[in-house]
Amino acid sequence: MNTHLLALQMMAFQGCLGAFDTIYHHEITEALPQKKSARLELTIHSIRALIYSVLFAGLSSWEWHGAWAWVLVLVFSVEIVLTLWDFVVEDRTRLLPATERVTHTVLAINAGAFIALLALNSADWASLPTDLVWQPYGWLSVFLALCGVGVGLSGLRDGYAAWQLGRRVEKEERAVETIHFATTQQQVLVTGATGFIGQQLVHALLADGHQVTVLTRQAKQAAWTFDGKVRCITGMADLRDNEHIDMVVNLAGARIVGHRWTEARKAALRRSRIGLTQEVIAWIARAAHKPRVLLSASAIGYYGVQPQGDDTELGEDSAPQAIFMSQLCSEWEAVARTAEQYGVQVGRMRFGLVFGHQGSLPQMLLPIRLGAGGPLGSGRQWMSWVHVHDVIRGIAHLARRSEESVVTGAYNFCAPEAMRQGQFAKVAGKVLHRPSFMPTPAFVMRTLLGEQADLLVEGQRVVPRRLLADGFVFRHPDVEGALRSLE
């Protein structure tokens, strides 16, 4: 058996599986380049990827004889240490999804096997005169060389992302702002706390001196995320009937964009929103001390879709439509409103597209960053958006208002000026210094996303009338300023 050839074949498999792990897990589902907590992990990934780049390219068509064999052994040793360090850092900073754990296990086993085979060959190579001997293996060598280029680019990408996260942390520390939610310390229950908006909210509540309880299915991840500063419960049954909770912020809900809206997916979306909200209301019904206010999330999908050419501004009193997204939001809000019968103030927060380092924006900007972006569909549809910092400030505004008067009804959480999608692509290209002329046809979006594509290719022109009437001032009222604040 040619053990060297077998090792190279296993390396080719490593390259394929590693590409899947990087693209699907690190970039898409986990979005590591956007997470401040992933800075060290990205640094390790960068160094490992650059090492693998050398290994793939260097072993694709050469045998490492003499002193080069000892260099190869040293590189293997460094890679093993980095892999073990990566495992420790991952375990301390995030809860890996099951698919990523399985993928990492297979990668580790495969890497151990081909490193062992190459180490055996290195013992023989070490006795030969020092030289890099040309020994190609046809298309396998070409593929491994390409893997070397790809993993090298991935390493540079992770290194750049780690550097950018460092700059972002410094920038946020300089621009830190304490957001005040109440005049006295509050006991706050937050659902959906480990989500994009939830994390920002909990950090702001803690910075303002409040006691926070989070309802989450991932208690371990929540404890890590918030440095053990919050109380974690996995179900409303964990909350005693005599618990003192002043405010509930209900943000829970499975991701709406992504998976096609099959009947099973629609049922899951309803359970994650309506079912969980019903559990919260059931606890409020039996609680000895009722919360003062329930601020419950919804979305501007409540208004359905707005046909292109219709420039009507949609306010909080605009009607819903007979489509799934609109019906989902209507049912979600209707359940939240039942808390009013127990004397609880209820504010229904209809979020537009939230701009931040997580959420949908990084995926929207990725094609533009790669120089292959542009408008979605015709580009004439309206896009109603809001900066995540203004979302947190808006929640704080309603929390303070609930102390002074009464919070009731719906509030649109959108910047005052909606923008057409095509204009957004131009502004994003300007901010990122990239071209943005390559459109994505509407039929492609509908083929990929089905019914939910209407949210992107039709859109809505929504205005925050009630927040503005309350005197709320947006920190980020225009798209260009909002995007530049997130660079």
Protein backbone atom coordinates (compact mmCIF):
# COMPACT_ATOMS: atom_id res chain seq x y z
CA MET A 1 0.00 0.00 0.00
CA ASN A 2 1.24 3.46 -0.90
CA THR A 3 0.71 5.15 2.47
CA HIS A 4 1.80 8.54 1.13
CA LEU A 5 -0.86 8.45 -1.59
CA LEU A 6 -3.46 7.42 1.01
CA ALA A 7 -2.42 10.36 3.20
CA LEU A 8 -2.85 12.78 0.30
CA GLN A 9 -6.30 11.36 -0.48
CA MET A 10 -7.29 11.86 3.15
CA MET A 11 -5.99 15.43 2.93
CA ALA A 12 -8.23 16.01 -0.08
CA PHE A 13 -11.20 14.83 1.98
CA GLN A 14 -10.05 17.14 4.78
CA GLY A 15 -10.08 20.05 2.35
CA CYS A 16 -13.66 19.34 1.23
CA LEU A 17 -15.02 18.86 4.74
CA GLY A 18 -13.09 21.88 6.04
CA ALA A 19 -14.59 24.06 3.29
CA PHE A 20 -18.09 22.92 4.30
CA ASP A 21 -17.38 23.66 7.96
CA THR A 22 -15.99 27.11 7.21
CA ILE A 23 -18.74 28.21 4.83
CA TYR A 24 -21.79 26.61 6.46
CA HIS A 25 -20.92 26.88 10.14
CA HIS A 26 -18.35 29.64 10.60
CA GLU A 27 -19.72 32.05 7.97
CA ILE A 28 -23.46 31.31 7.69
CA THR A 29 -25.04 29.65 10.73
CA GLU A 30 -22.64 30.90 13.43
CA ALA A 31 -21.42 34.10 11.69
CA LEU A 32 -18.16 34.02 13.67
CA PRO A 33 -16.61 37.04 11.88
CA GLN A 34 -19.40 39.17 13.42
CA LYS A 35 -19.11 37.94 17.04
CA LYS A 36 -16.83 39.81 19.43
CA SER A 37 -16.53 36.68 21.58
CA ALA A 38 -15.06 34.78 18.60
CA ARG A 39 -11.99 37.01 18.17
CA LEU A 40 -9.53 34.54 19.74
CA GLU A 41 -11.14 31.60 17.94
CA LEU A 42 -10.79 33.41 14.61
CA THR A 43 -7.14 34.17 15.35
CA ILE A 44 -6.47 30.47 15.97
CA HIS A 45 -8.43 29.54 12.83
CA SER A 46 -6.33 31.99 10.84
CA ILE A 47 -3.01 30.54 11.98
CA ARG A 48 -4.20 26.95 11.48
CA ALA A 49 -5.56 27.75 8.01
CA LEU A 50 -2.27 29.31 6.93
CA ILE A 51 -0.41 26.24 8.20
CA TYR A 52 -2.78 23.97 6.27
CA SER A 53 -2.24 26.15 3.21
CA VAL A 54 1.48 25.38 3.37
CA LEU A 55 0.82 21.68 3.97
CA PHE A 56 -1.67 21.32 1.11
CA ALA A 57 0.48 23.21 -1.38
CA GLY A 58 3.79 21.81 -0.17
CA LEU A 59 2.74 18.16 -0.05
CA SER A 60 0.62 18.24 -3.21
CA SER A 61 3.60 17.47 -5.48
CA TRP A 62 6.74 17.30 -3.33
CA GLU A 63 8.39 14.92 -0.89
CA TRP A 64 10.18 16.61 2.01
CA HIS A 65 13.58 14.94 2.45
CA GLY A 66 16.30 15.42 5.05
CA ALA A 67 15.97 18.55 7.21
CA TRP A 68 12.68 19.33 5.49
CA ALA A 69 11.21 16.18 7.06
CA TRP A 70 11.95 17.60 10.52
CA VAL A 71 10.34 20.89 9.49
CA LEU A 72 7.25 18.87 8.52
CA VAL A 73 7.19 17.15 11.93
CA LEU A 74 7.48 20.55 13.64
CA VAL A 75 4.57 21.91 11.58
CA PHE A 76 2.47 18.87 12.53
CA SER A 77 3.25 19.46 16.21
CA VAL A 78 2.21 23.11 16.03
CA GLU A 79 -1.01 22.17 14.22
CA ILE A 80 -1.92 19.61 16.88
CA VAL A 81 -1.35 22.15 19.69
CA LEU A 82 -3.48 24.75 17.86
CA THR A 83 -6.28 22.21 17.31
CA LEU A 84 -6.41 21.33 21.00
CA TRP A 85 -6.34 25.03 21.94
CA ASP A 86 -9.17 25.68 19.47
CA PHE A 87 -11.28 22.97 21.15
CA VAL A 88 -10.78 24.60 24.55
CA VAL A 89 -11.60 28.12 23.29
CA GLU A 90 -14.72 26.94 21.46
CA ASP A 91 -15.96 25.13 24.56
CA ARG A 92 -15.49 28.26 26.67
CA THR A 93 -17.04 30.80 24.33
CA ARG A 94 -19.97 29.21 22.51
CA LEU A 95 -22.29 26.23 22.31
CA LEU A 96 -21.58 24.43 19.05
CA PRO A 97 -24.56 23.10 17.08
CA ALA A 98 -24.71 19.33 16.70
CA THR A 99 -23.69 19.39 13.02
CA GLU A 100 -20.57 21.42 13.82
CA ARG A 101 -19.57 19.10 16.67
CA VAL A 102 -19.90 16.07 14.38
CA THR A 103 -17.99 17.83 11.60
CA HIS A 104 -15.15 18.82 13.96
CA THR A 105 -14.95 15.26 15.30
CA VAL A 106 -14.65 13.80 11.80
CA LEU A 107 -12.08 16.45 10.86
CA ALA A 108 -10.00 15.66 13.95
CA ILE A 109 -10.07 11.90 13.31
CA ASN A 110 -9.20 12.33 9.63
CA ALA A 111 -6.42 14.82 10.43
CA GLY A 112 -4.97 12.47 13.03
CA ALA A 113 -4.93 9.65 10.49
CA PHE A 114 -3.17 11.49 7.65
CA ILE A 115 -0.74 13.21 10.04
CA ALA A 116 0.20 9.78 11.43
CA LEU A 117 0.75 8.40 7.92
CA LEU A 118 2.84 11.41 6.88
CA ALA A 119 4.84 11.21 10.12
CA LEU A 120 5.70 7.59 9.31
CA ASN A 121 6.93 8.66 5.88
CA SER A 122 8.88 11.53 7.46
CA ALA A 123 10.99 9.04 9.41
CA ASP A 124 12.18 7.55 6.11
CA TRP A 125 12.50 10.95 4.42
CA ALA A 126 14.68 12.25 7.27
CA SER A 127 17.46 9.79 6.37
CA LEU A 128 17.72 11.11 2.81
CA PRO A 129 19.69 14.15 1.58
CA THR A 130 17.91 17.45 2.26
CA ASP A 131 15.78 18.36 -0.72
CA LEU A 132 12.21 18.99 -1.91
CA VAL A 133 11.67 16.21 -4.46
CA TRP A 134 9.09 16.70 -7.21
CA GLN A 135 6.54 13.85 -7.00
CA PRO A 136 3.17 14.83 -8.55
CA TYR A 137 0.02 12.68 -8.43
CA GLY A 138 -1.96 14.06 -11.39
CA TRP A 139 -5.33 15.64 -10.66
CA LEU A 140 -4.99 14.85 -6.95
CA SER A 141 -1.99 17.17 -6.79
CA VAL A 142 -3.88 19.88 -8.68
CA PHE A 143 -6.83 19.59 -6.29
CA LEU A 144 -4.59 19.74 -3.22
CA ALA A 145 -2.83 22.83 -4.59
CA LEU A 146 -6.23 24.48 -5.09
CA CYS A 147 -7.16 23.49 -1.54
CA GLY A 148 -3.97 25.19 -0.41
CA VAL A 149 -5.00 28.41 -2.13
CA GLY A 150 -8.55 28.22 -0.76
CA VAL A 151 -7.58 27.52 2.83
CA GLY A 152 -4.92 30.24 2.62
CA LEU A 153 -7.56 32.77 1.58
CA SER A 154 -9.77 31.53 4.41
CA GLY A 155 -6.91 32.09 6.84
CA LEU A 156 -6.43 35.65 5.62
CA ARG A 157 -10.20 36.20 5.88
CA ASP A 158 -10.26 35.00 9.52
CA GLY A 159 -7.18 37.03 10.40
CA TYR A 160 -8.74 40.16 8.91
CA ALA A 161 -12.01 39.46 10.73
CA ALA A 162 -10.17 39.08 14.06
CA TRP A 163 -8.39 42.39 13.44
CA GLN A 164 -11.68 44.09 12.53
CA LEU A 165 -13.32 42.75 15.70
CA GLY A 166 -10.46 44.24 17.71
CA ARG A 167 -11.04 47.62 16.08
CA ARG A 168 -14.77 47.28 16.72
CA VAL A 169 -14.28 46.59 20.41
CA GLU A 170 -12.05 49.65 20.76
CA LYS A 171 -14.57 51.77 18.84
CA GLU A 172 -17.48 50.60 20.99
CA GLU A 173 -15.54 51.19 24.18
CA ARG A 174 -14.88 54.79 23.12
CA ALA A 175 -18.53 55.34 22.15
CA VAL A 176 -20.07 53.57 25.16
CA GLU A 177 -23.45 54.96 26.17
CA THR A 178 -25.45 53.92 29.21
CA ILE A 179 -29.08 53.51 28.23
CA HIS A 180 -31.52 54.09 31.08
CA PHE A 181 -34.57 51.83 31.29
CA ALA A 182 -36.08 52.99 34.60
CA THR A 183 -35.58 55.32 37.55
CA THR A 184 -35.03 52.41 39.97
CA GLN A 185 -33.50 48.96 39.71
CA GLN A 186 -35.84 46.57 37.90
CA GLN A 187 -36.30 42.81 37.80
CA VAL A 188 -36.52 42.03 34.09
CA LEU A 189 -37.45 38.80 32.31
CA VAL A 190 -36.12 38.55 28.75
CA THR A 191 -37.05 35.80 26.30
CA GLY A 192 -34.90 35.30 23.21
CA ALA A 193 -31.94 36.70 25.15
CA THR A 194 -29.28 34.80 23.18
CA GLY A 195 -30.52 36.17 19.86
CA PHE A 196 -29.08 39.15 18.00
CA ILE A 197 -31.28 41.82 19.62
CA GLY A 198 -31.60 39.94 22.91
CA GLN A 199 -27.86 39.94 23.57
CA GLN A 200 -27.62 43.68 23.01
CA LEU A 201 -30.62 44.28 25.25
CA VAL A 202 -29.38 42.15 28.15
CA HIS A 203 -25.94 43.80 28.09
CA ALA A 204 -27.62 47.23 28.16
CA LEU A 205 -29.89 46.21 31.06
CA LEU A 206 -26.95 44.89 33.05
CA ALA A 207 -24.95 48.07 32.35
CA ASP A 208 -27.89 50.08 33.70
CA GLY A 209 -27.87 48.09 36.94
CA HIS A 210 -30.92 45.87 36.52
CA GLN A 211 -31.39 42.22 37.54
CA VAL A 212 -32.05 40.04 34.51
CA THR A 213 -33.65 36.61 34.19
CA VAL A 214 -33.41 35.03 30.74
CA LEU A 215 -35.68 32.32 29.37
CA THR A 216 -33.63 30.16 27.05
CA ARG A 217 -33.32 26.57 25.89
CA GLN A 218 -29.53 27.07 25.90
CA ALA A 219 -28.81 27.96 29.52
CA LYS A 220 -25.11 27.08 29.25
CA GLN A 221 -24.64 29.33 26.22
CA ALA A 222 -26.54 32.16 27.92
CA ALA A 223 -24.37 31.87 31.04
CA TRP A 224 -21.24 32.10 28.88
CA THR A 225 -22.61 34.95 26.79
CA PHE A 226 -23.41 37.10 29.83
CA ASP A 227 -20.44 36.07 32.02
CA GLY A 228 -22.70 34.47 34.62
CA LYS A 229 -24.37 37.80 35.41
CA VAL A 230 -27.91 36.66 34.58
CA ARG A 231 -30.25 34.06 36.00
CA CYS A 232 -31.11 31.41 33.40
CA ILE A 233 -34.35 29.43 33.24
CA THR A 234 -35.27 26.89 30.57
CA GLY A 235 -39.06 27.15 30.94
CA MET A 236 -41.70 29.34 32.54
CA ALA A 237 -42.34 26.50 35.00
CA ASP A 238 -38.95 27.42 36.54
CA LEU A 239 -40.39 30.81 37.56
CA ARG A 240 -42.21 30.74 40.89
CA ASP A 241 -45.72 32.19 41.15
CA ASN A 242 -44.55 34.62 43.82
CA GLU A 243 -41.58 35.80 41.71
CA HIS A 244 -41.19 39.58 41.53
CA ILE A 245 -40.80 40.65 37.88
CA ASP A 246 -41.25 44.31 36.96
CA MET A 247 -40.89 44.07 33.19
CA VAL A 248 -41.02 41.35 30.55
CA VAL A 249 -39.38 41.79 27.14
CA ASN A 250 -40.53 39.03 24.82
CA LEU A 251 -38.13 38.63 21.88
CA ALA A 252 -38.26 34.86 21.36
CA GLY A 253 -38.88 33.45 17.90
CA ALA A 254 -37.21 31.15 15.40
CA ARG A 255 -35.42 32.78 12.48
CA ILE A 256 -38.03 33.83 9.92
CA VAL A 257 -35.86 34.11 6.77
CA GLY A 258 -33.89 31.13 5.52
CA HIS A 259 -35.73 27.82 5.52
CA ARG A 260 -38.61 27.56 3.06
CA TRP A 261 -42.04 28.06 4.56
CA THR A 262 -43.28 24.50 4.39
CA GLU A 263 -46.30 23.63 6.55
CA ALA A 264 -43.93 22.10 9.09
CA ARG A 265 -41.79 25.26 9.12
CA LYS A 266 -44.85 27.47 9.52
CA ALA A 267 -45.95 25.37 12.49
CA ALA A 268 -42.47 25.73 14.04
CA LEU A 269 -42.55 29.51 13.57
CA ARG A 270 -45.95 29.68 15.26
CA ARG A 271 -44.78 27.55 18.19
CA SER A 272 -41.66 29.64 18.73
CA ARG A 273 -43.65 32.87 18.81
CA ILE A 274 -47.27 32.25 19.70
CA GLY A 275 -46.71 29.14 21.82
CA LEU A 276 -43.97 30.72 23.93
CA THR A 277 -45.92 33.96 24.36
CA GLN A 278 -48.87 31.89 25.61
CA GLU A 279 -46.58 30.35 28.23
CA VAL A 280 -45.50 33.83 29.35
CA ILE A 281 -49.14 34.96 29.61
CA ALA A 282 -50.04 31.81 31.56
CA TRP A 283 -47.36 32.68 34.14
CA ILE A 284 -48.57 36.29 34.32
CA ALA A 285 -52.09 34.99 34.97
CA ARG A 286 -50.98 33.05 38.05
CA ALA A 287 -48.26 35.45 39.26
CA ALA A 288 -48.89 37.00 42.64
CA HIS A 289 -47.04 40.15 41.58
CA LYS A 290 -47.93 41.13 38.02
CA PRO A 291 -45.30 42.77 35.82
CA ARG A 292 -45.85 46.45 35.16
CA VAL A 293 -45.31 46.10 31.42
CA LEU A 294 -44.88 43.48 28.70
CA LEU A 295 -42.94 44.65 25.64
CA SER A 296 -43.52 42.00 23.01
CA ALA A 297 -41.74 41.73 19.68
CA SER A 298 -43.51 41.60 16.35
CA ALA A 299 -42.45 42.68 12.87
CA ILE A 300 -43.46 45.00 10.06
CA GLY A 301 -44.41 41.81 8.24
CA TYR A 302 -47.70 42.53 10.04
CA TYR A 303 -48.54 44.87 7.14
CA GLY A 304 -47.97 42.19 4.50
CA VAL A 305 -46.33 43.29 1.24
CA GLN A 306 -46.67 46.56 -0.60
CA PRO A 307 -46.95 46.39 -4.40
CA GLN A 308 -44.24 48.21 -6.29
CA GLY A 309 -45.41 51.64 -7.31
CA ASP A 310 -47.42 52.04 -4.10
CA ASP A 311 -45.58 54.68 -2.05
CA THR A 312 -48.16 54.90 0.75
CA GLU A 313 -46.61 55.31 4.19
CA LEU A 314 -47.75 52.59 6.57
CA GLY A 315 -48.37 53.65 10.16
CA GLU A 316 -49.35 51.66 13.23
CA ASP A 317 -53.03 51.84 12.27
CA SER A 318 -52.52 50.27 8.82
CA ALA A 319 -54.28 46.94 8.29
CA PRO A 320 -52.75 43.46 8.01
CA GLN A 321 -53.16 41.23 4.94
CA ALA A 322 -54.31 37.67 4.32
CA ILE A 323 -50.80 36.22 3.89
CA PHE A 324 -48.79 34.00 6.24
CA MET A 325 -46.32 36.56 7.62
CA SER A 326 -49.06 39.07 8.31
CA GLN A 327 -51.27 36.46 9.95
CA LEU A 328 -48.36 35.19 12.06
CA CYS A 329 -47.66 38.67 13.42
CA SER A 330 -51.37 39.32 14.02
CA GLU A 331 -51.77 36.11 16.01
CA TRP A 332 -48.56 36.78 17.92
CA GLU A 333 -49.71 40.26 18.91
CA ALA A 334 -53.21 39.05 19.81
CA VAL A 335 -51.78 36.59 22.33
CA ALA A 336 -49.54 39.28 23.85
CA ARG A 337 -52.51 41.63 24.24
CA THR A 338 -54.28 39.15 26.53
CA ALA A 339 -51.90 40.24 29.30
CA GLU A 340 -53.88 43.48 29.48
CA GLN A 341 -56.76 41.67 31.22
CA TYR A 342 -54.41 41.14 34.17
CA GLY A 343 -53.62 44.85 34.46
CA VAL A 344 -50.32 44.64 32.55
CA GLN A 345 -49.36 47.35 30.06
CA VAL A 346 -48.61 45.79 26.66
CA GLY A 347 -46.46 47.42 23.97
CA ARG A 348 -46.20 45.59 20.64
CA MET A 349 -42.91 46.37 18.90
CA ARG A 350 -42.99 45.92 15.13
CA PHE A 351 -39.36 45.66 14.03
CA GLY A 352 -38.13 46.52 10.56
CA LEU A 353 -34.92 45.06 9.14
CA VAL A 354 -32.47 45.50 12.03
CA PHE A 355 -28.98 46.67 11.07
CA GLY A 356 -26.14 45.33 13.19
CA HIS A 357 -23.06 43.13 13.19
CA GLN A 358 -25.33 40.08 13.42
CA GLY A 359 -28.79 39.38 12.00
CA SER A 360 -29.57 39.56 8.29
CA LEU A 361 -27.40 42.56 7.36
CA PRO A 362 -24.01 40.74 7.17
CA GLN A 363 -25.49 38.21 4.74
CA MET A 364 -27.06 41.01 2.68
CA LEU A 365 -23.72 42.81 2.48
CA LEU A 366 -21.60 39.73 1.75
CA PRO A 367 -22.22 39.73 -2.06
CA ILE A 368 -21.37 43.45 -2.16
CA ARG A 369 -18.20 42.85 -0.11
CA LEU A 370 -17.24 40.24 -2.69
CA GLY A 371 -17.89 42.68 -5.54
CA ALA A 372 -20.87 40.68 -6.85
CA GLY A 373 -23.77 42.48 -5.18
CA GLY A 374 -26.55 44.75 -6.27
CA PRO A 375 -30.30 45.30 -5.97
CA LEU A 376 -32.72 42.47 -5.22
CA GLY A 377 -35.42 42.11 -7.86
CA SER A 378 -36.31 45.40 -9.50
CA GLY A 379 -34.71 47.44 -6.70
CA ARG A 380 -37.76 49.72 -6.63
CA GLN A 381 -39.32 48.09 -3.56
CA TRP A 382 -39.21 49.91 -0.24
CA MET A 383 -36.97 48.71 2.58
CA SER A 384 -37.83 49.76 6.14
CA TRP A 385 -34.89 49.37 8.49
CA VAL A 386 -33.58 50.38 11.93
CA HIS A 387 -30.18 50.37 13.63
CA VAL A 388 -29.93 47.87 16.51
CA HIS A 389 -28.76 50.66 18.84
CA ASP A 390 -32.01 52.52 18.16
CA VAL A 391 -33.95 49.32 18.82
CA ILE A 392 -32.43 49.08 22.32
CA ARG A 393 -32.98 52.79 22.92
CA GLY A 394 -36.58 52.41 21.74
CA ILE A 395 -37.19 49.56 24.17
CA ALA A 396 -35.72 51.69 26.95
CA HIS A 397 -37.96 54.59 25.88
CA LEU A 398 -41.08 52.44 26.26
CA ALA A 399 -39.84 51.01 29.56
CA ARG A 400 -39.40 54.53 31.00
CA ARG A 401 -42.75 55.61 29.57
CA SER A 402 -44.48 52.71 31.33
CA GLU A 403 -43.37 54.25 34.66
CA GLU A 404 -44.68 57.71 33.79
CA SER A 405 -47.96 56.99 31.99
CA VAL A 406 -49.29 54.02 30.03
CA VAL A 407 -47.76 51.98 27.21
CA THR A 408 -50.33 50.35 24.96
CA GLY A 409 -50.78 49.41 21.32
CA ALA A 410 -48.28 48.96 18.50
CA TYR A 411 -45.06 50.86 17.83
CA ASN A 412 -43.16 50.71 14.54
CA PHE A 413 -39.42 50.30 15.17
CA CYS A 414 -38.12 51.71 11.88
CA ALA A 415 -35.93 54.64 10.96
CA PRO A 416 -37.95 57.71 9.87
CA GLU A 417 -36.87 57.38 6.23
CA ALA A 418 -37.41 54.11 4.39
CA MET A 419 -35.23 53.54 1.32
CA ARG A 420 -35.70 51.77 -1.98
CA GLN A 421 -33.72 48.56 -2.15
CA GLY A 422 -31.76 49.60 -5.21
CA GLN A 423 -30.66 52.82 -3.52
CA PHE A 424 -29.63 50.82 -0.45
CA ALA A 425 -27.36 48.67 -2.64
CA LYS A 426 -25.72 51.83 -4.06
CA VAL A 427 -25.17 53.32 -0.60
CA ALA A 428 -23.79 50.02 0.74
CA GLY A 429 -21.40 49.82 -2.22
CA LYS A 430 -20.24 53.37 -1.53
CA VAL A 431 -19.63 52.66 2.17
CA LEU A 432 -17.81 49.39 1.43
CA HIS A 433 -15.93 50.82 -1.58
CA ARG A 434 -17.29 48.05 -3.81
CA PRO A 435 -19.33 47.95 -7.03
CA SER A 436 -23.02 47.15 -6.52
CA PHE A 437 -24.52 46.85 -9.97
CA MET A 438 -25.19 43.10 -10.24
CA PRO A 439 -28.92 42.50 -9.57
CA THR A 440 -30.45 39.29 -8.24
CA PRO A 441 -33.60 38.60 -10.33
CA ALA A 442 -36.86 38.20 -8.42
CA PHE A 443 -37.48 34.75 -9.91
CA VAL A 444 -34.19 33.52 -8.42
CA MET A 445 -35.23 34.76 -4.97
CA ARG A 446 -38.64 33.10 -5.31
CA THR A 447 -37.07 29.86 -6.49
CA LEU A 448 -34.74 29.81 -3.49
CA LEU A 449 -37.08 31.14 -0.79
CA GLY A 450 -40.59 30.52 -2.07
CA GLU A 451 -43.34 32.57 -0.41
CA GLN A 452 -40.98 34.43 1.94
CA ALA A 453 -39.16 36.00 -1.03
CA ASP A 454 -41.98 38.59 -1.16
CA LEU A 455 -40.57 40.13 2.03
CA LEU A 456 -37.42 41.00 0.07
CA VAL A 457 -38.63 41.68 -3.46
CA GLU A 458 -41.84 43.54 -2.54
CA GLY A 459 -41.18 45.23 0.83
CA GLN A 460 -43.04 47.91 2.79
CA ARG A 461 -42.72 51.63 3.41
CA VAL A 462 -43.25 51.84 7.18
CA VAL A 463 -42.95 54.94 9.37
CA PRO A 464 -42.52 55.13 13.20
CA ARG A 465 -45.32 57.61 13.83
CA ARG A 466 -45.94 56.77 17.48
CA LEU A 467 -42.28 56.81 18.54
CA LEU A 468 -41.77 60.16 16.81
CA ALA A 469 -44.95 61.53 18.42
CA ASP A 470 -43.53 60.46 21.80
CA GLY A 471 -40.45 62.59 21.14
CA PHE A 472 -38.10 59.68 20.47
CA VAL A 473 -34.99 60.83 18.56
CA PHE A 474 -33.21 58.30 16.33
CA ARG A 475 -29.43 58.21 16.64
CA HIS A 476 -29.14 56.68 13.16
CA PRO A 477 -31.84 58.18 10.92
CA ASP A 478 -30.09 57.60 7.56
CA VAL A 479 -28.74 54.43 5.93
CA GLU A 480 -25.25 55.70 5.12
CA GLY A 481 -24.58 56.84 8.68
CA ALA A 482 -25.97 53.60 10.08
CA LEU A 483 -23.76 51.47 7.82
CA ARG A 484 -20.66 53.55 8.57
CA SER A 485 -21.25 53.11 12.32
CA LEU A 486 -21.06 49.34 11.76
CA GLU A 487 -17.77 49.33 9.77
